[in-house]
Amino acid sequence: MANLGRKLVNELKKKEFRDYLMSTHFWGPVANWGIPIAAIADTQKDPTIISGKMTLALSVYSLVFMRFAWKVQPRNLLLLACHATNEVAQLTQGARFINYHYLSENK
């Protein structure tokens, strides 16, 4: 166990890791995590407040940036995970919107 801790500390000390932590390749996705976190929190709110247009826009936005995160070199897997999470959250919101406005009789 101590050996594993030592390996982790050695990895954290490497210049490549420090450079990664100080790059937009890291901080861009970290800042972007606010979008899926908010979307996940919104799944617990009343479906009357869901904007269908915004949900669609955010879903397309995440699809585009998932592709970007995969195509950019080096691949940005943190950004990909962020937008994949947001895509699932937006699709959930979209299903809730459709269910409430078009399938449910309890408006």
PDB file of N, CA and C in Angstrom:
ATOM      1  N   MET A   1       0.830  -1.193   0.000  1.00  0.00           N
ATOM      2  CA  MET A   1       0.000   0.000   0.000  1.00  0.00           C
ATOM      3  C   MET A   1       0.870   1.251   0.000  1.00  0.00           C
ATOM      4  N   ALA A   2       1.949   1.229   0.773  1.00  0.00           N
ATOM      5  CA  ALA A   2       2.846   2.379   0.813  1.00  0.00           C
ATOM      6  C   ALA A   2       3.516   2.580  -0.543  1.00  0.00           C
ATOM      7  N   ASN A   3       3.800   1.459  -1.220  1.00  0.00           N
ATOM      8  CA  ASN A   3       4.404   1.535  -2.545  1.00  0.00           C
ATOM      9  C   ASN A   3       3.462   2.214  -3.538  1.00  0.00           C
ATOM     10  N   LEU A   4       2.166   1.895  -3.440  1.00  0.00           N
ATOM     11  CA  LEU A   4       1.175   2.518  -4.307  1.00  0.00           C
ATOM     12  C   LEU A   4       1.102   4.023  -4.047  1.00  0.00           C
ATOM     13  N   GLY A   5       1.136   4.400  -2.773  1.00  0.00           N
ATOM     14  CA  GLY A   5       1.129   5.818  -2.409  1.00  0.00           C
ATOM     15  C   GLY A   5       2.347   6.544  -2.939  1.00  0.00           C
ATOM     16  N   ARG A   6       3.486   5.895  -2.865  1.00  0.00           N
ATOM     17  CA  ARG A   6       4.732   6.485  -3.373  1.00  0.00           C
ATOM     18  C   ARG A   6       4.655   6.669  -4.888  1.00  0.00           C
ATOM     19  N   LYS A   7       4.089   5.669  -5.580  1.00  0.00           N
ATOM     20  CA  LYS A   7       3.944   5.768  -7.043  1.00  0.00           C
ATOM     21  C   LYS A   7       3.028   6.934  -7.418  1.00  0.00           C
ATOM     22  N   LEU A   8       1.943   7.090  -6.665  1.00  0.00           N
ATOM     23  CA  LEU A   8       1.013   8.187  -6.918  1.00  0.00           C
ATOM     24  C   LEU A   8       1.690   9.532  -6.725  1.00  0.00           C
ATOM     25  N   VAL A   9       2.437   9.678  -5.644  1.00  0.00           N
ATOM     26  CA  VAL A   9       3.150  10.928  -5.375  1.00  0.00           C
ATOM     27  C   VAL A   9       4.171  11.202  -6.473  1.00  0.00           C
ATOM     28  N   ASN A  10       4.878  10.170  -6.910  1.00  0.00           N
ATOM     29  CA  ASN A  10       5.850  10.343  -7.995  1.00  0.00           C
ATOM     30  C   ASN A  10       5.184  10.785  -9.288  1.00  0.00           C
ATOM     31  N   GLU A  11       4.001  10.236  -9.582  1.00  0.00           N
ATOM     32  CA  GLU A  11       3.265  10.655 -10.782  1.00  0.00           C
ATOM     33  C   GLU A  11       2.845  12.118 -10.678  1.00  0.00           C
ATOM     34  N   LEU A  12       2.396  12.519  -9.496  1.00  0.00           N
ATOM     35  CA  LEU A  12       1.953  13.899  -9.286  1.00  0.00           C
ATOM     36  C   LEU A  12       3.104  14.891  -9.406  1.00  0.00           C
ATOM     37  N   LYS A  13       4.312  14.438  -9.142  1.00  0.00           N
ATOM     38  CA  LYS A  13       5.483  15.313  -9.213  1.00  0.00           C
ATOM     39  C   LYS A  13       5.993  15.511 -10.636  1.00  0.00           C
ATOM     40  N   LYS A  14       5.550  14.699 -11.561  1.00  0.00           N
ATOM     41  CA  LYS A  14       6.062  14.774 -12.932  1.00  0.00           C
ATOM     42  C   LYS A  14       5.634  16.071 -13.602  1.00  0.00           C
ATOM     43  N   LYS A  15       6.526  16.615 -14.402  1.00  0.00           N
ATOM     44  CA  LYS A  15       6.264  17.862 -15.121  1.00  0.00           C
ATOM     45  C   LYS A  15       5.066  17.724 -16.068  1.00  0.00           C
ATOM     46  N   GLU A  16       4.928  16.583 -16.708  1.00  0.00           N
ATOM     47  CA  GLU A  16       3.818  16.371 -17.644  1.00  0.00           C
ATOM     48  C   GLU A  16       2.476  16.505 -16.929  1.00  0.00           C
ATOM     49  N   PHE A  17       2.388  15.950 -15.722  1.00  0.00           N
ATOM     50  CA  PHE A  17       1.145  16.035 -14.960  1.00  0.00           C
ATOM     51  C   PHE A  17       0.877  17.466 -14.518  1.00  0.00           C
ATOM     52  N   ARG A  18       1.893  18.135 -14.044  1.00  0.00           N
ATOM     53  CA  ARG A  18       1.729  19.545 -13.643  1.00  0.00           C
ATOM     54  C   ARG A  18       1.314  20.400 -14.832  1.00  0.00           C
ATOM     55  N   ASP A  19       1.920  20.143 -15.990  1.00  0.00           N
ATOM     56  CA  ASP A  19       1.538  20.884 -17.202  1.00  0.00           C
ATOM     57  C   ASP A  19       0.078  20.623 -17.562  1.00  0.00           C
ATOM     58  N   TYR A  20      -0.358  19.373 -17.405  1.00  0.00           N
ATOM     59  CA  TYR A  20      -1.756  19.024 -17.687  1.00  0.00           C
ATOM     60  C   TYR A  20      -2.690  19.765 -16.745  1.00  0.00           C
ATOM     61  N   LEU A  21      -2.344  19.822 -15.465  1.00  0.00           N
ATOM     62  CA  LEU A  21      -3.193  20.515 -14.497  1.00  0.00           C
ATOM     63  C   LEU A  21      -3.278  22.015 -14.758  1.00  0.00           C
ATOM     64  N   MET A  22      -2.288  22.566 -15.425  1.00  0.00           N
ATOM     65  CA  MET A  22      -2.288  24.001 -15.706  1.00  0.00           C
ATOM     66  C   MET A  22      -2.748  24.310 -17.129  1.00  0.00           C
ATOM     67  N   SER A  23      -3.424  23.379 -17.768  1.00  0.00           N
ATOM     68  CA  SER A  23      -3.824  23.572 -19.164  1.00  0.00           C
ATOM     69  C   SER A  23      -5.341  23.731 -19.303  1.00  0.00           C
ATOM     70  N   THR A  24      -5.749  24.267 -20.434  1.00  0.00           N
ATOM     71  CA  THR A  24      -7.174  24.344 -20.744  1.00  0.00           C
ATOM     72  C   THR A  24      -7.739  22.962 -21.040  1.00  0.00           C
ATOM     73  N   HIS A  25      -6.872  22.009 -21.359  1.00  0.00           N
ATOM     74  CA  HIS A  25      -7.294  20.626 -21.598  1.00  0.00           C
ATOM     75  C   HIS A  25      -7.876  20.027 -20.311  1.00  0.00           C
ATOM     76  N   PHE A  26      -7.473  20.570 -19.167  1.00  0.00           N
ATOM     77  CA  PHE A  26      -7.985  20.130 -17.869  1.00  0.00           C
ATOM     78  C   PHE A  26      -9.058  21.080 -17.342  1.00  0.00           C
ATOM     79  N   TRP A  27      -8.760  22.379 -17.275  1.00  0.00           N
ATOM     80  CA  TRP A  27      -9.659  23.337 -16.630  1.00  0.00           C
ATOM     81  C   TRP A  27     -10.922  23.626 -17.430  1.00  0.00           C
ATOM     82  N   GLY A  28     -10.850  23.517 -18.760  1.00  0.00           N
ATOM     83  CA  GLY A  28     -12.067  23.692 -19.570  1.00  0.00           C
ATOM     84  C   GLY A  28     -13.138  22.687 -19.185  1.00  0.00           C
ATOM     85  N   PRO A  29     -12.817  21.389 -19.198  1.00  0.00           N
ATOM     86  CA  PRO A  29     -13.811  20.404 -18.785  1.00  0.00           C
ATOM     87  C   PRO A  29     -14.233  20.527 -17.321  1.00  0.00           C
ATOM     88  N   VAL A  30     -13.295  20.871 -16.455  1.00  0.00           N
ATOM     89  CA  VAL A  30     -13.652  21.022 -15.037  1.00  0.00           C
ATOM     90  C   VAL A  30     -14.705  22.117 -14.885  1.00  0.00           C
ATOM     91  N   ALA A  31     -14.498  23.246 -15.560  1.00  0.00           N
ATOM     92  CA  ALA A  31     -15.467  24.340 -15.491  1.00  0.00           C
ATOM     93  C   ALA A  31     -16.792  23.938 -16.141  1.00  0.00           C
ATOM     94  N   ASN A  32     -16.712  23.112 -17.159  1.00  0.00           N
ATOM     95  CA  ASN A  32     -17.895  22.689 -17.906  1.00  0.00           C
ATOM     96  C   ASN A  32     -18.777  21.724 -17.115  1.00  0.00           C
ATOM     97  N   TRP A  33     -18.249  21.080 -16.086  1.00  0.00           N
ATOM     98  CA  TRP A  33     -19.031  20.122 -15.317  1.00  0.00           C
ATOM     99  C   TRP A  33     -20.237  20.759 -14.632  1.00  0.00           C
ATOM    100  N   GLY A  34     -20.270  22.075 -14.539  1.00  0.00           N
ATOM    101  CA  GLY A  34     -21.439  22.743 -13.960  1.00  0.00           C
ATOM    102  C   GLY A  34     -22.707  22.484 -14.754  1.00  0.00           C
ATOM    103  N   ILE A  35     -22.587  22.322 -16.066  1.00  0.00           N
ATOM    104  CA  ILE A  35     -23.763  22.101 -16.917  1.00  0.00           C
ATOM    105  C   ILE A  35     -24.423  20.756 -16.606  1.00  0.00           C
ATOM    106  N   PRO A  36     -23.693  19.629 -16.665  1.00  0.00           N
ATOM    107  CA  PRO A  36     -24.377  18.371 -16.342  1.00  0.00           C
ATOM    108  C   PRO A  36     -24.809  18.256 -14.887  1.00  0.00           C
ATOM    109  N   ILE A  37     -24.064  18.875 -13.978  1.00  0.00           N
ATOM    110  CA  ILE A  37     -24.475  18.839 -12.569  1.00  0.00           C
ATOM    111  C   ILE A  37     -25.812  19.553 -12.400  1.00  0.00           C
ATOM    112  N   ALA A  38     -25.966  20.706 -13.057  1.00  0.00           N
ATOM    113  CA  ALA A  38     -27.234  21.443 -12.992  1.00  0.00           C
ATOM    114  C   ALA A  38     -28.358  20.640 -13.649  1.00  0.00           C
ATOM    115  N   ALA A  39     -28.050  19.998 -14.772  1.00  0.00           N
ATOM    116  CA  ALA A  39     -29.070  19.206 -15.467  1.00  0.00           C
ATOM    117  C   ALA A  39     -29.525  18.027 -14.616  1.00  0.00           C
ATOM    118  N   ILE A  40     -28.584  17.389 -13.949  1.00  0.00           N
ATOM    119  CA  ILE A  40     -28.944  16.265 -13.071  1.00  0.00           C
ATOM    120  C   ILE A  40     -29.800  16.754 -11.913  1.00  0.00           C
ATOM    121  N   ALA A  41     -29.441  17.897 -11.342  1.00  0.00           N
ATOM    122  CA  ALA A  41     -30.237  18.467 -10.248  1.00  0.00           C
ATOM    123  C   ALA A  41     -31.641  18.815 -10.740  1.00  0.00           C
ATOM    124  N   ASP A  42     -31.765  19.291 -11.976  1.00  0.00           N
ATOM    125  CA  ASP A  42     -33.069  19.669 -12.522  1.00  0.00           C
ATOM    126  C   ASP A  42     -33.985  18.478 -12.765  1.00  0.00           C
ATOM    127  N   THR A  43     -33.450  17.279 -12.827  1.00  0.00           N
ATOM    128  CA  THR A  43     -34.316  16.112 -13.042  1.00  0.00           C
ATOM    129  C   THR A  43     -35.245  15.870 -11.862  1.00  0.00           C
ATOM    130  N   GLN A  44     -34.951  16.504 -10.730  1.00  0.00           N
ATOM    131  CA  GLN A  44     -35.799  16.356  -9.552  1.00  0.00           C
ATOM    132  C   GLN A  44     -36.861  17.454  -9.459  1.00  0.00           C
ATOM    133  N   LYS A  45     -36.821  18.403 -10.390  1.00  0.00           N
ATOM    134  CA  LYS A  45     -37.762  19.526 -10.342  1.00  0.00           C
ATOM    135  C   LYS A  45     -38.991  19.243 -11.199  1.00  0.00           C
ATOM    136  N   ASP A  46     -39.984  20.083 -11.027  1.00  0.00           N
ATOM    137  CA  ASP A  46     -41.247  19.947 -11.755  1.00  0.00           C
ATOM    138  C   ASP A  46     -41.020  20.036 -13.265  1.00  0.00           C
ATOM    139  N   PRO A  47     -41.610  19.139 -14.054  1.00  0.00           N
ATOM    140  CA  PRO A  47     -41.402  19.159 -15.504  1.00  0.00           C
ATOM    141  C   PRO A  47     -42.003  20.376 -16.209  1.00  0.00           C
ATOM    142  N   THR A  48     -42.825  21.147 -15.517  1.00  0.00           N
ATOM    143  CA  THR A  48     -43.412  22.334 -16.147  1.00  0.00           C
ATOM    144  C   THR A  48     -42.356  23.390 -16.450  1.00  0.00           C
ATOM    145  N   ILE A  49     -41.222  23.354 -15.753  1.00  0.00           N
ATOM    146  CA  ILE A  49     -40.196  24.382 -15.962  1.00  0.00           C
ATOM    147  C   ILE A  49     -39.182  24.009 -17.040  1.00  0.00           C
ATOM    148  N   ILE A  50     -39.300  22.818 -17.624  1.00  0.00           N
ATOM    149  CA  ILE A  50     -38.339  22.374 -18.640  1.00  0.00           C
ATOM    150  C   ILE A  50     -38.607  23.113 -19.946  1.00  0.00           C
ATOM    151  N   SER A  51     -37.556  23.669 -20.514  1.00  0.00           N
ATOM    152  CA  SER A  51     -37.642  24.307 -21.828  1.00  0.00           C
ATOM    153  C   SER A  51     -37.230  23.281 -22.888  1.00  0.00           C
ATOM    154  N   GLY A  52     -38.154  22.932 -23.742  1.00  0.00           N
ATOM    155  CA  GLY A  52     -37.860  21.965 -24.792  1.00  0.00           C
ATOM    156  C   GLY A  52     -36.779  22.449 -25.743  1.00  0.00           C
ATOM    157  N   LYS A  53     -36.832  23.734 -26.091  1.00  0.00           N
ATOM    158  CA  LYS A  53     -35.836  24.294 -27.017  1.00  0.00           C
ATOM    159  C   LYS A  53     -34.438  24.291 -26.394  1.00  0.00           C
ATOM    160  N   MET A  54     -34.337  24.661 -25.131  1.00  0.00           N
ATOM    161  CA  MET A  54     -33.034  24.685 -24.467  1.00  0.00           C
ATOM    162  C   MET A  54     -32.506  23.276 -24.271  1.00  0.00           C
ATOM    163  N   THR A  55     -33.391  22.353 -23.945  1.00  0.00           N
ATOM    164  CA  THR A  55     -32.976  20.955 -23.780  1.00  0.00           C
ATOM    165  C   THR A  55     -32.423  20.416 -25.092  1.00  0.00           C
ATOM    166  N   LEU A  56     -33.090  20.699 -26.195  1.00  0.00           N
ATOM    167  CA  LEU A  56     -32.615  20.266 -27.510  1.00  0.00           C
ATOM    168  C   LEU A  56     -31.275  20.920 -27.841  1.00  0.00           C
ATOM    169  N   ALA A  57     -31.164  22.222 -27.574  1.00  0.00           N
ATOM    170  CA  ALA A  57     -29.911  22.930 -27.860  1.00  0.00           C
ATOM    171  C   ALA A  57     -28.749  22.356 -27.047  1.00  0.00           C
ATOM    172  N   LEU A  58     -28.971  22.090 -25.773  1.00  0.00           N
ATOM    173  CA  LEU A  58     -27.906  21.542 -24.932  1.00  0.00           C
ATOM    174  C   LEU A  58     -27.561  20.112 -25.326  1.00  0.00           C
ATOM    175  N   SER A  59     -28.527  19.387 -25.810  1.00  0.00           N
ATOM    176  CA  SER A  59     -28.264  18.025 -26.278  1.00  0.00           C
ATOM    177  C   SER A  59     -27.391  18.044 -27.530  1.00  0.00           C
ATOM    178  N   VAL A  60     -27.720  18.902 -28.475  1.00  0.00           N
ATOM    179  CA  VAL A  60     -26.910  19.027 -29.697  1.00  0.00           C
ATOM    180  C   VAL A  60     -25.515  19.546 -29.352  1.00  0.00           C
ATOM    181  N   TYR A  61     -25.448  20.525 -28.460  1.00  0.00           N
ATOM    182  CA  TYR A  61     -24.172  21.084 -27.997  1.00  0.00           C
ATOM    183  C   TYR A  61     -23.272  19.982 -27.447  1.00  0.00           C
ATOM    184  N   SER A  62     -23.833  19.130 -26.608  1.00  0.00           N
ATOM    185  CA  SER A  62     -23.022  18.064 -26.017  1.00  0.00           C
ATOM    186  C   SER A  62     -22.596  17.039 -27.057  1.00  0.00           C
ATOM    187  N   LEU A  63     -23.469  16.735 -28.018  1.00  0.00           N
ATOM    188  CA  LEU A  63     -23.074  15.813 -29.092  1.00  0.00           C
ATOM    189  C   LEU A  63     -21.891  16.365 -29.878  1.00  0.00           C
ATOM    190  N   VAL A  64     -21.950  17.649 -30.209  1.00  0.00           N
ATOM    191  CA  VAL A  64     -20.868  18.278 -30.974  1.00  0.00           C
ATOM    192  C   VAL A  64     -19.565  18.239 -30.181  1.00  0.00           C
ATOM    193  N   PHE A  65     -19.629  18.567 -28.906  1.00  0.00           N
ATOM    194  CA  PHE A  65     -18.408  18.607 -28.117  1.00  0.00           C
ATOM    195  C   PHE A  65     -17.904  17.221 -27.724  1.00  0.00           C
ATOM    196  N   MET A  66     -18.777  16.215 -27.703  1.00  0.00           N
ATOM    197  CA  MET A  66     -18.282  14.847 -27.513  1.00  0.00           C
ATOM    198  C   MET A  66     -17.424  14.456 -28.708  1.00  0.00           C
ATOM    199  N   ARG A  67     -17.888  14.807 -29.906  1.00  0.00           N
ATOM    200  CA  ARG A  67     -17.111  14.505 -31.109  1.00  0.00           C
ATOM    201  C   ARG A  67     -15.783  15.257 -31.087  1.00  0.00           C
ATOM    202  N   PHE A  68     -15.835  16.543 -30.714  1.00  0.00           N
ATOM    203  CA  PHE A  68     -14.614  17.344 -30.623  1.00  0.00           C
ATOM    204  C   PHE A  68     -13.621  16.723 -29.641  1.00  0.00           C
ATOM    205  N   ALA A  69     -14.119  16.343 -28.456  1.00  0.00           N
ATOM    206  CA  ALA A  69     -13.245  15.777 -27.426  1.00  0.00           C
ATOM    207  C   ALA A  69     -12.588  14.491 -27.900  1.00  0.00           C
ATOM    208  N   TRP A  70     -13.278  13.758 -28.766  1.00  0.00           N
ATOM    209  CA  TRP A  70     -12.720  12.512 -29.285  1.00  0.00           C
ATOM    210  C   TRP A  70     -11.707  12.776 -30.394  1.00  0.00           C
ATOM    211  N   LYS A  71     -11.973  13.784 -31.226  1.00  0.00           N
ATOM    212  CA  LYS A  71     -11.123  14.055 -32.387  1.00  0.00           C
ATOM    213  C   LYS A  71      -9.864  14.859 -32.058  1.00  0.00           C
ATOM    214  N   VAL A  72      -9.925  15.718 -31.056  1.00  0.00           N
ATOM    215  CA  VAL A  72      -8.775  16.551 -30.724  1.00  0.00           C
ATOM    216  C   VAL A  72      -7.618  15.657 -30.257  1.00  0.00           C
ATOM    217  N   GLN A  73      -6.405  16.086 -30.553  1.00  0.00           N
ATOM    218  CA  GLN A  73      -5.232  15.308 -30.142  1.00  0.00           C
ATOM    219  C   GLN A  73      -4.413  16.113 -29.140  1.00  0.00           C
ATOM    220  N   PRO A  74      -4.086  15.600 -28.000  1.00  0.00           N
ATOM    221  CA  PRO A  74      -4.500  14.288 -27.514  1.00  0.00           C
ATOM    222  C   PRO A  74      -5.981  14.301 -27.134  1.00  0.00           C
ATOM    223  N   ARG A  75      -6.605  13.137 -27.182  1.00  0.00           N
ATOM    224  CA  ARG A  75      -8.028  13.046 -26.857  1.00  0.00           C
ATOM    225  C   ARG A  75      -8.277  13.594 -25.459  1.00  0.00           C
ATOM    226  N   ASN A  76      -9.370  14.332 -25.338  1.00  0.00           N
ATOM    227  CA  ASN A  76      -9.725  14.906 -24.047  1.00  0.00           C
ATOM    228  C   ASN A  76     -10.856  14.077 -23.441  1.00  0.00           C
ATOM    229  N   LEU A  77     -10.482  13.039 -22.715  1.00  0.00           N
ATOM    230  CA  LEU A  77     -11.467  12.122 -22.153  1.00  0.00           C
ATOM    231  C   LEU A  77     -12.258  12.747 -21.016  1.00  0.00           C
ATOM    232  N   LEU A  78     -11.672  13.727 -20.324  1.00  0.00           N
ATOM    233  CA  LEU A  78     -12.411  14.430 -19.275  1.00  0.00           C
ATOM    234  C   LEU A  78     -13.554  15.242 -19.894  1.00  0.00           C
ATOM    235  N   LEU A  79     -13.285  15.901 -21.002  1.00  0.00           N
ATOM    236  CA  LEU A  79     -14.332  16.640 -21.709  1.00  0.00           C
ATOM    237  C   LEU A  79     -15.373  15.684 -22.285  1.00  0.00           C
ATOM    238  N   LEU A  80     -14.938  14.568 -22.817  1.00  0.00           N
ATOM    239  CA  LEU A  80     -15.858  13.576 -23.352  1.00  0.00           C
ATOM    240  C   LEU A  80     -16.792  13.065 -22.257  1.00  0.00           C
ATOM    241  N   ALA A  81     -16.256  12.756 -21.094  1.00  0.00           N
ATOM    242  CA  ALA A  81     -17.085  12.277 -19.981  1.00  0.00           C
ATOM    243  C   ALA A  81     -18.086  13.334 -19.531  1.00  0.00           C
ATOM    244  N   CYS A  82     -17.645  14.577 -19.494  1.00  0.00           N
ATOM    245  CA  CYS A  82     -18.523  15.682 -19.104  1.00  0.00           C
ATOM    246  C   CYS A  82     -19.716  15.779 -20.053  1.00  0.00           C
ATOM    247  N   HIS A  83     -19.443  15.763 -21.351  1.00  0.00           N
ATOM    248  CA  HIS A  83     -20.525  15.921 -22.317  1.00  0.00           C
ATOM    249  C   HIS A  83     -21.365  14.665 -22.473  1.00  0.00           C
ATOM    250  N   ALA A  84     -20.791  13.500 -22.257  1.00  0.00           N
ATOM    251  CA  ALA A  84     -21.593  12.272 -22.275  1.00  0.00           C
ATOM    252  C   ALA A  84     -22.576  12.286 -21.105  1.00  0.00           C
ATOM    253  N   THR A  85     -22.111  12.742 -19.946  1.00  0.00           N
ATOM    254  CA  THR A  85     -22.989  12.868 -18.781  1.00  0.00           C
ATOM    255  C   THR A  85     -24.094  13.872 -19.057  1.00  0.00           C
ATOM    256  N   ASN A  86     -23.724  14.998 -19.655  1.00  0.00           N
ATOM    257  CA  ASN A  86     -24.721  16.019 -19.975  1.00  0.00           C
ATOM    258  C   ASN A  86     -25.717  15.501 -21.009  1.00  0.00           C
ATOM    259  N   GLU A  87     -25.245  14.738 -21.982  1.00  0.00           N
ATOM    260  CA  GLU A  87     -26.144  14.195 -23.002  1.00  0.00           C
ATOM    261  C   GLU A  87     -27.207  13.303 -22.363  1.00  0.00           C
ATOM    262  N   VAL A  88     -26.794  12.444 -21.454  1.00  0.00           N
ATOM    263  CA  VAL A  88     -27.749  11.569 -20.768  1.00  0.00           C
ATOM    264  C   VAL A  88     -28.737  12.402 -19.945  1.00  0.00           C
ATOM    265  N   ALA A  89     -28.238  13.413 -19.255  1.00  0.00           N
ATOM    266  CA  ALA A  89     -29.115  14.269 -18.451  1.00  0.00           C
ATOM    267  C   ALA A  89     -30.096  15.035 -19.341  1.00  0.00           C
ATOM    268  N   GLN A  90     -29.631  15.545 -20.481  1.00  0.00           N
ATOM    269  CA  GLN A  90     -30.513  16.288 -21.373  1.00  0.00           C
ATOM    270  C   GLN A  90     -31.552  15.370 -22.016  1.00  0.00           C
ATOM    271  N   LEU A  91     -31.152  14.158 -22.374  1.00  0.00           N
ATOM    272  CA  LEU A  91     -32.120  13.208 -22.928  1.00  0.00           C
ATOM    273  C   LEU A  91     -33.174  12.832 -21.889  1.00  0.00           C
ATOM    274  N   THR A  92     -32.754  12.737 -20.639  1.00  0.00           N
ATOM    275  CA  THR A  92     -33.707  12.484 -19.554  1.00  0.00           C
ATOM    276  C   THR A  92     -34.690  13.636 -19.443  1.00  0.00           C
ATOM    277  N   GLN A  93     -34.172  14.864 -19.478  1.00  0.00           N
ATOM    278  CA  GLN A  93     -35.035  16.044 -19.413  1.00  0.00           C
ATOM    279  C   GLN A  93     -35.960  16.109 -20.626  1.00  0.00           C
ATOM    280  N   GLY A  94     -35.425  15.766 -21.794  1.00  0.00           N
ATOM    281  CA  GLY A  94     -36.248  15.764 -23.003  1.00  0.00           C
ATOM    282  C   GLY A  94     -37.382  14.763 -22.904  1.00  0.00           C
ATOM    283  N   ALA A  95     -37.095  13.584 -22.369  1.00  0.00           N
ATOM    284  CA  ALA A  95     -38.146  12.576 -22.181  1.00  0.00           C
ATOM    285  C   ALA A  95     -39.196  13.067 -21.186  1.00  0.00           C
ATOM    286  N   ARG A  96     -38.750  13.727 -20.137  1.00  0.00           N
ATOM    287  CA  ARG A  96     -39.695  14.283 -19.162  1.00  0.00           C
ATOM    288  C   ARG A  96     -40.558  15.375 -19.793  1.00  0.00           C
ATOM    289  N   PHE A  97     -39.941  16.208 -20.630  1.00  0.00           N
ATOM    290  CA  PHE A  97     -40.671  17.275 -21.330  1.00  0.00           C
ATOM    291  C   PHE A  97     -41.733  16.678 -22.251  1.00  0.00           C
ATOM    292  N   ILE A  98     -41.345  15.707 -23.065  1.00  0.00           N
ATOM    293  CA  ILE A  98     -42.283  15.071 -23.999  1.00  0.00           C
ATOM    294  C   ILE A  98     -43.394  14.355 -23.238  1.00  0.00           C
ATOM    295  N   ASN A  99     -43.018  13.645 -22.202  1.00  0.00           N
ATOM    296  CA  ASN A  99     -44.026  12.938 -21.404  1.00  0.00           C
ATOM    297  C   ASN A  99     -45.046  13.903 -20.819  1.00  0.00           C
ATOM    298  N   TYR A 100     -44.574  15.006 -20.266  1.00  0.00           N
ATOM    299  CA  TYR A 100     -45.483  15.961 -19.624  1.00  0.00           C
ATOM    300  C   TYR A 100     -46.359  16.690 -20.643  1.00  0.00           C
ATOM    301  N   HIS A 101     -45.748  17.190 -21.716  1.00  0.00           N
ATOM    302  CA  HIS A 101     -46.482  18.043 -22.650  1.00  0.00           C
ATOM    303  C   HIS A 101     -47.258  17.281 -23.713  1.00  0.00           C
ATOM    304  N   TYR A 102     -46.858  16.078 -24.049  1.00  0.00           N
ATOM    305  CA  TYR A 102     -47.500  15.390 -25.163  1.00  0.00           C
ATOM    306  C   TYR A 102     -48.103  14.035 -24.831  1.00  0.00           C
ATOM    307  N   LEU A 103     -47.665  13.376 -23.804  1.00  0.00           N
ATOM    308  CA  LEU A 103     -48.161  12.034 -23.507  1.00  0.00           C
ATOM    309  C   LEU A 103     -49.035  11.959 -22.263  1.00  0.00           C
ATOM    310  N   SER A 104     -48.810  12.853 -21.334  1.00  0.00           N
ATOM    311  CA  SER A 104     -49.549  12.839 -20.073  1.00  0.00           C
ATOM    312  C   SER A 104     -50.857  13.607 -20.221  1.00  0.00           C
ATOM    313  N   GLU A 105     -51.855  13.155 -19.505  1.00  0.00           N
ATOM    314  CA  GLU A 105     -53.122  13.883 -19.496  1.00  0.00           C
ATOM    315  C   GLU A 105     -53.237  14.800 -18.282  1.00  0.00           C
ATOM    316  N   ASN A 106     -52.233  14.777 -17.419  1.00  0.00           N
ATOM    317  CA  ASN A 106     -52.224  15.606 -16.201  1.00  0.00           C
ATOM    318  C   ASN A 106     -51.410  16.860 -16.426  1.00  0.00           C
ATOM    319  N   LYS A 107     -51.979  17.818 -17.111  1.00  0.00           N
ATOM    320  CA  LYS A 107     -51.253  19.073 -17.333  1.00  0.00           C
ATOM    321  C   LYS A 107     -51.632  19.995 -16.228  1.00  0.00           C
TER     322      LYS A 107
END
